[in-house]
């Protein structure tokens, strides 16, 4: 994959991006709580799947921070 020379780190967000970030994290926390309920009920398979959904949702909420971190790591490797 070709690297771009002028990739910038994002520092601002629109209102829509902030709302979607909040919702991703909120849903991730809800899924994490549901994971705990499923574990208490003995539904291990469903709990694992719900835990993966929780991790993916929280990662979606942190997508801008993950992008910036990835950009900094790639700059250090050059």
C-alpha atoms as a PDB file:
ATOM      1  CA  UNK A   1       0.000   0.000   0.000  1.00  0.00           C
ATOM      2  CA  UNK A   2       1.287   3.422  -0.925  1.00  0.00           C
ATOM      3  CA  UNK A   3       1.911   5.908   1.891  1.00  0.00           C
ATOM      4  CA  UNK A   4       0.802   9.483   1.519  1.00  0.00           C
ATOM      5  CA  UNK A   5       3.304  12.147   2.433  1.00  0.00           C
ATOM      6  CA  UNK A   6       0.938  14.862   3.621  1.00  0.00           C
ATOM      7  CA  UNK A   7      -1.530  12.925   5.805  1.00  0.00           C
ATOM      8  CA  UNK A   8      -2.726  15.165   8.613  1.00  0.00           C
ATOM      9  CA  UNK A   9      -3.758  14.308  12.126  1.00  0.00           C
ATOM     10  CA  UNK A  10      -7.400  15.251  12.661  1.00  0.00           C
ATOM     11  CA  UNK A  11      -7.974  17.700  15.476  1.00  0.00           C
ATOM     12  CA  UNK A  12     -11.530  18.917  14.944  1.00  0.00           C
ATOM     13  CA  UNK A  13     -14.824  17.146  14.667  1.00  0.00           C
ATOM     14  CA  UNK A  14     -18.204  18.095  13.357  1.00  0.00           C
ATOM     15  CA  UNK A  15     -21.298  17.883  15.523  1.00  0.00           C
ATOM     16  CA  UNK A  16     -22.421  14.738  13.681  1.00  0.00           C
ATOM     17  CA  UNK A  17     -19.092  13.016  14.300  1.00  0.00           C
ATOM     18  CA  UNK A  18     -19.291  13.854  17.996  1.00  0.00           C
ATOM     19  CA  UNK A  19     -22.836  12.480  18.244  1.00  0.00           C
ATOM     20  CA  UNK A  20     -21.929   9.231  16.474  1.00  0.00           C
ATOM     21  CA  UNK A  21     -18.835   8.828  18.675  1.00  0.00           C
ATOM     22  CA  UNK A  22     -20.981   9.266  21.797  1.00  0.00           C
ATOM     23  CA  UNK A  23     -23.535   6.732  20.537  1.00  0.00           C
ATOM     24  CA  UNK A  24     -20.848   4.152  19.643  1.00  0.00           C
ATOM     25  CA  UNK A  25     -19.376   4.368  23.146  1.00  0.00           C
ATOM     26  CA  UNK A  26     -22.800   4.345  24.816  1.00  0.00           C
ATOM     27  CA  UNK A  27     -23.854   1.233  22.900  1.00  0.00           C
ATOM     28  CA  UNK A  28     -20.501  -0.401  23.679  1.00  0.00           C
ATOM     29  CA  UNK A  29     -21.019   0.167  27.399  1.00  0.00           C
ATOM     30  CA  UNK A  30     -24.551  -1.228  27.120  1.00  0.00           C
ATOM     31  CA  UNK A  31     -23.259  -4.320  25.296  1.00  0.00           C
ATOM     32  CA  UNK A  32     -20.596  -4.780  27.978  1.00  0.00           C
ATOM     33  CA  UNK A  33     -23.333  -4.763  30.620  1.00  0.00           C
ATOM     34  CA  UNK A  34     -25.355  -7.262  28.634  1.00  0.00           C
ATOM     35  CA  UNK A  35     -22.254  -9.441  28.388  1.00  0.00           C
ATOM     36  CA  UNK A  36     -22.132  -9.594  32.173  1.00  0.00           C
ATOM     37  CA  UNK A  37     -25.840 -10.508  32.346  1.00  0.00           C
ATOM     38  CA  UNK A  38     -25.376 -13.281  29.779  1.00  0.00           C
ATOM     39  CA  UNK A  39     -22.421 -14.675  31.724  1.00  0.00           C
ATOM     40  CA  UNK A  40     -24.487 -14.717  34.910  1.00  0.00           C
ATOM     41  CA  UNK A  41     -27.220 -16.626  33.066  1.00  0.00           C
ATOM     42  CA  UNK A  42     -24.698 -19.195  31.808  1.00  0.00           C
ATOM     43  CA  UNK A  43     -24.910 -18.208  28.137  1.00  0.00           C
ATOM     44  CA  UNK A  44     -21.167 -18.324  27.475  1.00  0.00           C
ATOM     45  CA  UNK A  45     -21.334 -18.368  23.673  1.00  0.00           C
ATOM     46  CA  UNK A  46     -23.721 -15.426  23.522  1.00  0.00           C
ATOM     47  CA  UNK A  47     -21.630 -13.582  26.114  1.00  0.00           C
ATOM     48  CA  UNK A  48     -18.475 -13.981  24.039  1.00  0.00           C
ATOM     49  CA  UNK A  49     -20.252 -12.700  20.951  1.00  0.00           C
ATOM     50  CA  UNK A  50     -21.771  -9.775  22.855  1.00  0.00           C
ATOM     51  CA  UNK A  51     -18.328  -8.981  24.313  1.00  0.00           C
ATOM     52  CA  UNK A  52     -16.893  -8.834  20.803  1.00  0.00           C
ATOM     53  CA  UNK A  53     -19.710  -6.482  19.803  1.00  0.00           C
ATOM     54  CA  UNK A  54     -18.916  -4.308  22.821  1.00  0.00           C
ATOM     55  CA  UNK A  55     -15.226  -4.128  21.867  1.00  0.00           C
ATOM     56  CA  UNK A  56     -16.040  -3.325  18.243  1.00  0.00           C
ATOM     57  CA  UNK A  57     -18.492  -0.612  19.230  1.00  0.00           C
ATOM     58  CA  UNK A  58     -16.060   1.047  21.640  1.00  0.00           C
ATOM     59  CA  UNK A  59     -13.333   0.836  18.988  1.00  0.00           C
ATOM     60  CA  UNK A  60     -15.756   2.571  16.610  1.00  0.00           C
ATOM     61  CA  UNK A  61     -16.143   5.340  19.165  1.00  0.00           C
ATOM     62  CA  UNK A  62     -12.381   5.681  19.428  1.00  0.00           C
ATOM     63  CA  UNK A  63     -11.843   5.588  15.656  1.00  0.00           C
ATOM     64  CA  UNK A  64     -10.352   9.084  15.447  1.00  0.00           C
ATOM     65  CA  UNK A  65      -7.914   8.417  18.275  1.00  0.00           C
ATOM     66  CA  UNK A  66      -6.963   5.084  16.705  1.00  0.00           C
ATOM     67  CA  UNK A  67      -6.383   6.861  13.372  1.00  0.00           C
ATOM     68  CA  UNK A  68      -4.166   9.491  14.990  1.00  0.00           C
ATOM     69  CA  UNK A  69      -2.195   6.836  16.889  1.00  0.00           C
ATOM     70  CA  UNK A  70      -1.736   4.814  13.698  1.00  0.00           C
ATOM     71  CA  UNK A  71      -0.532   7.944  11.902  1.00  0.00           C
ATOM     72  CA  UNK A  72       2.037   8.697  14.640  1.00  0.00           C
ATOM     73  CA  UNK A  73       3.318   5.121  14.644  1.00  0.00           C
ATOM     74  CA  UNK A  74       3.721   5.184  10.864  1.00  0.00           C
ATOM     75  CA  UNK A  75       5.619   8.483  11.132  1.00  0.00           C
ATOM     76  CA  UNK A  76       8.024   6.934  13.652  1.00  0.00           C
ATOM     77  CA  UNK A  77       8.685   3.971  11.358  1.00  0.00           C
ATOM     78  CA  UNK A  78       9.832   6.213   8.484  1.00  0.00           C
END
